Amino acid sequence: MDFKKDESAGYLANHMARLFANALHERIRPLGLAPAQFMTLLELWAEDGLTQKDLVRRLDIEQATMANTLKRMERDGLIEKQENPKDRRAQLIRLTDKARRLQNEATAAANEVNGIALSGLSEDERRVFISTMSRVIGALQR
């Protein structure tokens, strides 16, 4: 069986993900953010006070990768670690005021990238595209 990259869902998804990441990075770099930090902030903006383990599970990334991202975020003044009263072995990750102030600008940048990427699609096509991607992600996570 021949492999045709232009007909490969995995190849195309990977290529699209890299293009999205690059476009997002260009827009959030002036805010002092990297894509991994942005993804982490999205989770913390939705629910502040998560543990590192929570973030690993929600973002579906390796523990070591999350530890490095959190270390950089703490260094950059975006998060603070706080003792977890329910589990002394885990720390709660809390947003700083600096991180909270970045939310509107950073999410606007992400919305801009999404708008550009999906500009050639109708509203119905956008809904189907997002729904289909979510179903594929769900299938791969099982």
Protein backbone atom coordinates (compact mmCIF):
# COMPACT_ATOMS: atom_id res chain seq x y z
CA MET A 1 0.00 0.00 0.00
CA ASP A 2 1.38 3.36 -1.00
CA PHE A 3 1.49 6.18 1.52
CA LYS A 4 0.10 9.44 0.15
CA LYS A 5 0.80 12.26 2.54
CA ASP A 6 -1.85 14.49 0.96
CA GLU A 7 -4.44 11.82 1.78
CA SER A 8 -3.09 10.97 5.24
CA ALA A 9 -5.19 12.32 8.12
CA GLY A 10 -2.22 12.06 10.48
CA TYR A 11 0.19 13.86 8.17
CA LEU A 12 -2.32 16.64 7.42
CA ALA A 13 -3.29 17.03 11.09
CA ASN A 14 0.38 17.28 12.09
CA HIS A 15 1.07 19.85 9.36
CA MET A 16 -2.00 21.86 10.35
CA ALA A 17 -1.02 21.72 14.04
CA ARG A 18 2.47 23.04 13.27
CA LEU A 19 1.01 25.89 11.19
CA PHE A 20 -1.45 26.77 13.97
CA ALA A 21 1.33 26.64 16.59
CA ASN A 22 3.63 28.86 14.53
CA ALA A 23 0.91 31.43 13.85
CA LEU A 24 -0.13 31.47 17.50
CA HIS A 25 3.48 31.75 18.65
CA GLU A 26 4.02 34.82 16.46
CA ARG A 27 1.01 36.52 18.04
CA ILE A 28 1.64 35.63 21.69
CA ARG A 29 5.43 36.07 21.67
CA PRO A 30 5.09 39.86 22.26
CA LEU A 31 3.12 38.96 25.41
CA GLY A 32 6.07 36.92 26.66
CA LEU A 33 4.26 33.62 26.15
CA ALA A 34 5.16 30.37 24.43
CA PRO A 35 2.50 27.98 23.07
CA ALA A 36 2.96 25.47 25.92
CA GLN A 37 2.46 28.25 28.45
CA PHE A 38 -0.65 29.43 26.61
CA MET A 39 -2.19 25.96 26.67
CA THR A 40 -1.49 25.70 30.39
CA LEU A 41 -2.91 29.14 31.02
CA LEU A 42 -6.11 28.20 29.17
CA GLU A 43 -6.68 25.45 31.71
CA LEU A 44 -5.84 27.70 34.66
CA TRP A 45 -7.98 30.57 33.38
CA ALA A 46 -10.87 28.09 33.26
CA GLU A 47 -10.06 26.66 36.72
CA ASP A 48 -7.35 28.19 38.85
CA GLY A 49 -5.72 26.03 41.52
CA LEU A 50 -5.19 22.80 39.59
CA THR A 51 -2.40 20.40 40.43
CA GLN A 52 0.40 19.46 38.07
CA LYS A 53 -1.22 16.04 37.74
CA ASP A 54 -4.53 17.67 36.73
CA LEU A 55 -2.76 19.69 34.05
CA VAL A 56 -0.90 16.64 32.70
CA ARG A 57 -4.18 14.77 32.37
CA ARG A 58 -6.13 17.67 30.85
CA LEU A 59 -3.45 18.63 28.34
CA ASP A 60 -2.47 15.04 27.57
CA ILE A 61 1.26 15.70 27.85
CA GLU A 62 4.17 14.08 29.65
CA GLN A 63 4.82 14.82 33.31
CA ALA A 64 8.39 16.02 32.60
CA THR A 65 7.16 18.40 29.89
CA MET A 66 4.60 19.90 32.27
CA ALA A 67 7.19 20.22 35.04
CA ASN A 68 9.49 22.18 32.70
CA THR A 69 6.64 24.38 31.48
CA LEU A 70 5.56 25.17 35.04
CA LYS A 71 9.13 25.93 36.05
CA ARG A 72 9.39 28.50 33.23
CA MET A 73 5.99 29.93 34.06
CA GLU A 74 6.97 30.35 37.71
CA ARG A 75 10.25 31.98 36.67
CA ASP A 76 8.30 34.34 34.37
CA GLY A 77 5.91 35.33 37.15
CA LEU A 78 2.82 33.70 35.62
CA ILE A 79 2.10 31.16 38.36
CA GLU A 80 2.76 30.51 42.00
CA LYS A 81 2.76 27.12 43.69
CA GLN A 82 0.78 26.76 46.87
CA GLU A 83 0.49 23.95 49.40
CA ASN A 84 -2.47 21.69 48.74
CA PRO A 85 -4.44 21.31 51.99
CA LYS A 86 -6.04 18.07 50.68
CA ASP A 87 -2.75 16.41 49.65
CA ARG A 88 0.60 17.53 51.03
CA ARG A 89 2.42 15.71 48.23
CA ALA A 90 0.81 17.88 45.54
CA GLN A 91 0.91 21.62 45.07
CA LEU A 92 -1.81 23.84 43.70
CA ILE A 93 -0.87 25.94 40.68
CA ARG A 94 -2.23 29.46 41.07
CA LEU A 95 -2.30 32.26 38.54
CA THR A 96 -0.58 35.52 39.32
CA ASP A 97 -2.11 38.90 38.54
CA LYS A 98 0.30 39.12 35.62
CA ALA A 99 -1.16 35.95 34.10
CA ARG A 100 -4.72 37.13 34.66
CA ARG A 101 -3.96 40.41 32.87
CA LEU A 102 -2.77 38.48 29.79
CA GLN A 103 -5.98 36.49 29.33
CA ASN A 104 -7.90 38.86 27.05
CA GLU A 105 -4.98 39.67 24.77
CA ALA A 106 -3.75 36.07 24.54
CA THR A 107 -7.17 34.59 23.83
CA ALA A 108 -7.82 37.34 21.26
CA ALA A 109 -4.61 36.26 19.51
CA ALA A 110 -5.80 32.64 19.46
CA ASN A 111 -9.20 33.71 18.13
CA GLU A 112 -7.44 35.67 15.39
CA VAL A 113 -5.46 32.60 14.32
CA ASN A 114 -8.60 30.46 14.35
CA GLY A 115 -10.41 33.09 12.28
CA ILE A 116 -7.67 33.19 9.68
CA ALA A 117 -7.41 29.40 9.50
CA LEU A 118 -11.15 28.87 9.13
CA SER A 119 -11.86 31.91 6.97
CA GLY A 120 -12.50 29.78 3.88
CA LEU A 121 -15.21 27.74 5.61
CA SER A 122 -18.89 28.55 6.09
CA GLU A 123 -20.32 28.50 9.62
CA ASP A 124 -21.78 25.04 8.99
CA GLU A 125 -18.43 23.77 7.68
CA ARG A 126 -16.68 25.21 10.75
CA ARG A 127 -19.05 23.38 13.11
CA VAL A 128 -18.63 20.10 11.21
CA PHE A 129 -14.83 20.54 11.09
CA ILE A 130 -14.56 21.21 14.84
CA SER A 131 -16.94 18.36 15.64
CA THR A 132 -15.03 15.95 13.41
CA MET A 133 -11.68 16.92 14.91
CA SER A 134 -13.09 16.41 18.41
CA ARG A 135 -14.35 12.95 17.49
CA VAL A 136 -10.98 11.96 16.00
CA ILE A 137 -9.19 13.20 19.12
CA GLY A 138 -11.60 11.20 21.27
CA ALA A 139 -10.96 8.06 19.24
CA LEU A 140 -7.20 8.45 19.62
CA GLN A 141 -7.47 9.04 23.37
CA ARG A 142 -9.32 5.75 23.96
